[in-house]
């Protein structure tokens, strides 16, 4: 088989949640630019409209719908509509997520990291915990459930969830709920992968490290912060959504047909530790 056929997503029907910005938009652009028909679902109606219009002007087959992944009925309806338009779903990216909020420590001040009262576990509010879990874990569950409902009858499909380096590496500057959600996402992914493997459906996770997006108010776009973080990444640079293009196409295409239940880390080596 030629490489062009092995990695082809031409004509695929694809859904990406959280697809109006950041990593999700990167997934959508990579796939639609290579011939896939893509629906982006996002709670941000303005950004979703802006990005779909921009991509359609380039002759690409993309559509969008405003959906909050915590509204499972609305999410189901949007997935059903995408499947109707495309005649099925070939790949679904369960990507929508929100900022983790502050952890129990902040930035370095000299040789110390100061403790943050708001991020301490004894001060963690139910509202904050439930919101992060509701979107970053329950939203993944609902998206995967809807995807399987369409893929099982057709006995094929690729499901890709966005986890995080935080699923295995504890970062004290990140809120505890985020790490709990991302760890839960990975074990959920493995569980579903085992269940649906007999139906020729693969389920895998992409675990980004430090990727520059709008999350957390866009603080990662600050060049000063990027330079500081780059010092502790072995490749000496931060990541950008386009660094996810290759893995997105790989996991959506025939190239990954015999790979399931795996979490693939994309972090420039950050999880390995500091090299120099």
Protein backbone atom coordinates (compact mmCIF):
# COMPACT_ATOMS: atom_id res chain seq x y z
CA UNK A 1 0.00 0.00 0.00
CA UNK A 2 1.25 3.48 -0.86
CA UNK A 3 1.84 5.95 1.96
CA UNK A 4 -0.65 8.32 0.34
CA UNK A 5 -3.34 5.64 0.67
CA UNK A 6 -2.30 4.47 4.13
CA UNK A 7 -2.62 7.93 5.68
CA UNK A 8 -5.54 9.11 3.56
CA UNK A 9 -8.55 10.70 5.25
CA UNK A 10 -10.07 11.83 1.98
CA UNK A 11 -13.86 11.76 2.14
CA UNK A 12 -13.95 10.84 5.84
CA UNK A 13 -16.82 12.10 7.97
CA UNK A 14 -15.26 13.62 11.08
CA UNK A 15 -16.47 15.40 14.23
CA UNK A 16 -14.19 17.44 16.51
CA UNK A 17 -15.49 18.77 19.82
CA UNK A 18 -13.88 21.96 21.08
CA UNK A 19 -12.96 22.53 17.44
CA UNK A 20 -13.18 26.32 17.23
CA UNK A 21 -9.75 27.05 18.68
CA UNK A 22 -6.47 25.61 19.91
CA UNK A 23 -5.75 21.91 19.60
CA UNK A 24 -9.26 21.09 18.38
CA UNK A 25 -9.04 23.62 15.57
CA UNK A 26 -5.63 22.19 14.71
CA UNK A 27 -7.13 18.70 14.41
CA UNK A 28 -9.97 20.03 12.26
CA UNK A 29 -7.66 21.99 9.94
CA UNK A 30 -5.28 19.05 9.48
CA UNK A 31 -8.11 16.71 8.53
CA UNK A 32 -10.19 19.02 6.38
CA UNK A 33 -7.08 20.20 4.50
CA UNK A 34 -6.48 16.58 3.55
CA UNK A 35 -9.92 15.96 2.12
CA UNK A 36 -11.98 15.03 5.19
CA UNK A 37 -15.47 16.44 5.73
CA UNK A 38 -15.38 17.95 9.20
CA UNK A 39 -17.95 19.18 11.70
CA UNK A 40 -16.64 21.24 14.59
CA UNK A 41 -18.72 21.45 17.75
CA UNK A 42 -17.94 24.24 20.19
CA UNK A 43 -19.62 26.30 22.90
CA UNK A 44 -18.04 29.48 21.45
CA UNK A 45 -20.46 30.36 18.65
CA UNK A 46 -18.51 33.42 17.52
CA UNK A 47 -15.18 31.61 17.09
CA UNK A 48 -16.88 28.61 15.51
CA UNK A 49 -18.57 30.80 12.90
CA UNK A 50 -15.37 32.73 12.21
CA UNK A 51 -13.26 29.61 11.68
CA UNK A 52 -15.78 27.71 9.57
CA UNK A 53 -16.25 30.73 7.29
CA UNK A 54 -12.47 31.12 6.96
CA UNK A 55 -11.96 27.47 6.03
CA UNK A 56 -14.91 27.34 3.64
CA UNK A 57 -13.43 30.31 1.77
CA UNK A 58 -10.50 28.01 1.00
CA UNK A 59 -12.89 25.52 -0.56
CA UNK A 60 -12.82 23.11 2.37
CA UNK A 61 -15.78 20.97 3.47
CA UNK A 62 -16.38 22.14 7.02
CA UNK A 63 -19.48 22.86 9.05
CA UNK A 64 -20.02 23.92 12.65
CA UNK A 65 -22.61 23.79 15.38
CA UNK A 66 -22.78 25.49 18.76
CA UNK A 67 -22.86 22.77 21.40
CA UNK A 68 -21.96 22.60 25.09
CA UNK A 69 -20.61 19.09 25.79
CA UNK A 70 -22.24 19.16 29.23
CA UNK A 71 -25.63 19.19 27.46
CA UNK A 72 -25.58 15.53 26.48
CA UNK A 73 -28.91 15.62 24.65
CA UNK A 74 -27.72 18.51 22.45
CA UNK A 75 -24.42 16.75 21.87
CA UNK A 76 -26.21 13.56 20.82
CA UNK A 77 -28.37 15.53 18.39
CA UNK A 78 -25.35 17.26 16.84
CA UNK A 79 -23.51 13.96 16.42
CA UNK A 80 -26.63 12.40 14.88
CA UNK A 81 -26.87 15.26 12.39
CA UNK A 82 -23.20 14.98 11.41
CA UNK A 83 -23.63 11.24 10.86
CA UNK A 84 -26.71 11.92 8.71
CA UNK A 85 -24.87 14.49 6.59
CA UNK A 86 -21.83 12.25 6.09
CA UNK A 87 -23.62 8.90 5.90
CA UNK A 88 -21.76 7.75 9.03
CA UNK A 89 -18.81 8.79 11.17
CA UNK A 90 -15.29 7.68 10.31
CA UNK A 91 -13.43 9.56 13.04
CA UNK A 92 -14.45 11.46 16.16
CA UNK A 93 -12.11 13.62 18.21
CA UNK A 94 -13.37 14.05 21.79
CA UNK A 95 -11.33 17.11 22.57
CA UNK A 96 -13.38 19.80 24.36
CA UNK A 97 -11.87 20.91 27.65
CA UNK A 98 -11.45 23.90 29.93
CA UNK A 99 -8.71 25.56 31.94
CA UNK A 100 -7.66 23.68 35.08
CA UNK A 101 -7.45 26.78 37.25
CA UNK A 102 -4.72 27.40 39.80
CA UNK A 103 -3.03 24.66 41.77
CA UNK A 104 -1.69 24.86 45.30
CA UNK A 105 1.49 26.67 44.27
CA UNK A 106 2.20 29.54 41.91
CA UNK A 107 5.19 30.90 40.04
CA UNK A 108 8.73 30.62 41.35
CA UNK A 109 9.81 33.49 43.57
CA UNK A 110 13.54 33.11 43.95
CA UNK A 111 14.14 29.54 45.08
CA UNK A 112 10.55 28.98 46.28
CA UNK A 113 7.07 28.51 44.87
CA UNK A 114 4.54 30.29 47.01
CA UNK A 115 1.47 28.41 48.19
CA UNK A 116 -1.87 29.60 46.80
CA UNK A 117 -4.79 29.49 49.19
CA UNK A 118 -7.40 29.26 46.41
CA UNK A 119 -5.81 26.12 44.97
CA UNK A 120 -5.43 24.25 48.25
CA UNK A 121 -7.62 21.16 48.43
CA UNK A 122 -9.36 22.27 51.63
CA UNK A 123 -10.57 25.37 49.79
CA UNK A 124 -11.60 23.63 46.57
CA UNK A 125 -15.26 24.42 45.89
CA UNK A 126 -17.76 21.83 44.66
CA UNK A 127 -18.64 24.16 41.81
CA UNK A 128 -15.07 24.34 40.54
CA UNK A 129 -14.49 20.59 40.88
CA UNK A 130 -17.77 19.65 39.19
CA UNK A 131 -17.30 22.07 36.30
CA UNK A 132 -13.85 20.72 35.41
CA UNK A 133 -14.97 17.10 35.74
CA UNK A 134 -18.22 17.84 33.90
CA UNK A 135 -16.44 19.13 30.80
CA UNK A 136 -13.03 17.44 30.81
CA UNK A 137 -14.23 13.95 31.78
CA UNK A 138 -18.00 13.68 31.47
CA UNK A 139 -17.92 15.54 28.14
CA UNK A 140 -15.43 12.98 26.81
CA UNK A 141 -17.70 10.16 28.02
CA UNK A 142 -20.74 11.62 26.27
CA UNK A 143 -18.84 12.23 23.02
CA UNK A 144 -17.37 8.73 22.94
CA UNK A 145 -20.77 7.19 23.76
CA UNK A 146 -22.39 9.06 20.86
CA UNK A 147 -19.56 8.07 18.50
CA UNK A 148 -19.84 4.38 19.37
CA UNK A 149 -23.60 4.44 18.75
CA UNK A 150 -22.87 5.32 15.12
CA UNK A 151 -19.68 3.31 14.60
CA UNK A 152 -20.86 0.00 16.06
CA UNK A 153 -23.51 -0.69 13.40
CA UNK A 154 -21.03 0.17 10.61
CA UNK A 155 -18.32 -1.93 12.31
CA UNK A 156 -15.60 0.66 11.82
CA UNK A 157 -14.31 3.94 13.15
CA UNK A 158 -11.53 5.80 14.90
CA UNK A 159 -12.12 7.61 18.21
CA UNK A 160 -9.42 9.93 19.55
CA UNK A 161 -9.65 11.58 22.96
CA UNK A 162 -7.48 14.43 24.15
CA UNK A 163 -5.87 13.60 27.48
CA UNK A 164 -2.80 15.44 28.78
CA UNK A 165 0.68 14.98 30.15
CA UNK A 166 -1.16 15.82 33.40
CA UNK A 167 -2.82 12.39 33.27
CA UNK A 168 0.38 10.85 34.66
CA UNK A 169 2.56 13.75 35.80
CA UNK A 170 1.48 15.74 38.84
CA UNK A 171 1.92 19.48 38.36
CA UNK A 172 1.27 21.47 41.56
CA UNK A 173 0.52 24.68 39.65
CA UNK A 174 -2.48 22.98 37.99
CA UNK A 175 -5.79 22.44 39.78
CA UNK A 176 -6.33 18.92 41.13
CA UNK A 177 -9.63 18.41 39.31
CA UNK A 178 -7.91 18.74 35.93
CA UNK A 179 -5.40 15.99 36.67
CA UNK A 180 -8.13 13.75 38.06
CA UNK A 181 -10.21 14.32 34.92
CA UNK A 182 -7.35 13.62 32.53
CA UNK A 183 -6.28 10.47 34.39
CA UNK A 184 -9.91 9.34 34.27
CA UNK A 185 -10.05 10.03 30.53
CA UNK A 186 -7.13 7.69 29.89
CA UNK A 187 -8.55 4.78 31.88
CA UNK A 188 -11.97 5.34 30.32
CA UNK A 189 -10.35 5.32 26.88
CA UNK A 190 -8.69 1.97 27.60
CA UNK A 191 -11.92 0.48 28.92
CA UNK A 192 -13.91 1.48 25.83
CA UNK A 193 -11.08 0.38 23.52
CA UNK A 194 -11.30 -3.11 24.99
CA UNK A 195 -15.07 -3.17 24.67
CA UNK A 196 -15.36 -2.05 21.04
CA UNK A 197 -12.27 -3.67 19.53
CA UNK A 198 -14.37 -6.59 18.22
CA UNK A 199 -16.36 -4.06 16.16
CA UNK A 200 -13.22 -2.77 14.37
CA UNK A 201 -13.35 0.53 16.29
CA UNK A 202 -10.11 1.94 17.64
CA UNK A 203 -9.99 4.25 20.66
CA UNK A 204 -6.79 6.09 21.50
CA UNK A 205 -5.64 9.20 23.34
CA UNK A 206 -3.34 12.06 22.45
CA UNK A 207 -1.61 13.53 25.50
CA UNK A 208 -0.30 17.04 24.78
CA UNK A 209 2.34 18.66 26.89
CA UNK A 210 2.72 22.45 26.90
CA UNK A 211 0.83 23.59 23.79
CA UNK A 212 0.14 27.26 23.05
CA UNK A 213 -3.65 27.77 22.95
CA UNK A 214 -6.28 30.17 24.28
CA UNK A 215 -6.88 28.08 27.40
CA UNK A 216 -6.56 29.93 30.69
CA UNK A 217 -7.07 33.30 29.05
CA UNK A 218 -4.29 32.72 26.53
CA UNK A 219 -1.42 33.11 29.01
CA UNK A 220 0.60 30.57 26.98
CA UNK A 221 0.77 33.07 24.11
CA UNK A 222 3.01 35.33 26.20
CA UNK A 223 6.56 35.10 24.71
CA UNK A 224 8.09 35.60 28.17
CA UNK A 225 6.21 32.58 29.53
CA UNK A 226 7.06 30.51 26.44
CA UNK A 227 10.76 31.26 26.90
CA UNK A 228 10.62 30.29 30.58
CA UNK A 229 8.81 27.01 29.89
CA UNK A 230 11.07 26.16 26.96
CA UNK A 231 14.02 25.98 29.36
CA UNK A 232 12.59 22.85 30.99
CA UNK A 233 11.56 21.12 27.75
CA UNK A 234 14.33 18.93 26.27
CA UNK A 235 13.59 20.21 22.74
CA UNK A 236 13.95 23.78 24.08
CA UNK A 237 10.71 25.07 22.61
CA UNK A 238 7.03 25.03 23.48
CA UNK A 239 4.49 23.23 21.32
CA UNK A 240 1.86 24.62 18.97
CA UNK A 241 -1.36 23.08 17.60
CA UNK A 242 0.35 22.26 14.30
CA UNK A 243 2.67 19.94 16.21
CA UNK A 244 -0.40 17.70 16.63
CA UNK A 245 -1.22 17.43 12.91
CA UNK A 246 0.71 14.26 12.19
CA UNK A 247 -0.61 12.26 15.12
CA UNK A 248 -4.18 13.40 14.38
CA UNK A 249 -4.04 12.16 10.80
CA UNK A 250 -2.28 8.96 11.87
CA UNK A 251 -4.91 8.04 14.45
CA UNK A 252 -7.81 8.88 12.11
CA UNK A 253 -6.45 6.91 9.15
CA UNK A 254 -5.87 3.29 8.13
CA UNK A 255 -2.27 3.69 9.30
CA UNK A 256 -3.43 3.12 12.89
CA UNK A 257 -6.02 0.38 12.21
CA UNK A 258 -4.27 -2.14 14.51
CA UNK A 259 -3.52 0.29 17.34
CA UNK A 260 -6.04 0.75 20.13
CA UNK A 261 -6.13 1.60 23.82
CA UNK A 262 -2.95 3.67 23.65
CA UNK A 263 -2.05 7.10 24.99
CA UNK A 264 0.47 8.88 22.76
CA UNK A 265 2.37 11.75 24.38
CA UNK A 266 3.24 14.82 22.31
CA UNK A 267 5.33 17.03 24.58
CA UNK A 268 8.79 17.66 23.14
CA UNK A 269 10.17 15.35 25.83
CA UNK A 270 8.83 17.43 28.74
CA UNK A 271 7.64 14.36 30.63
CA UNK A 272 11.12 12.85 30.56
CA UNK A 273 12.60 15.56 32.75
CA UNK A 274 15.12 18.37 32.26
CA UNK A 275 18.07 17.46 30.04
CA UNK A 276 20.22 20.60 29.98
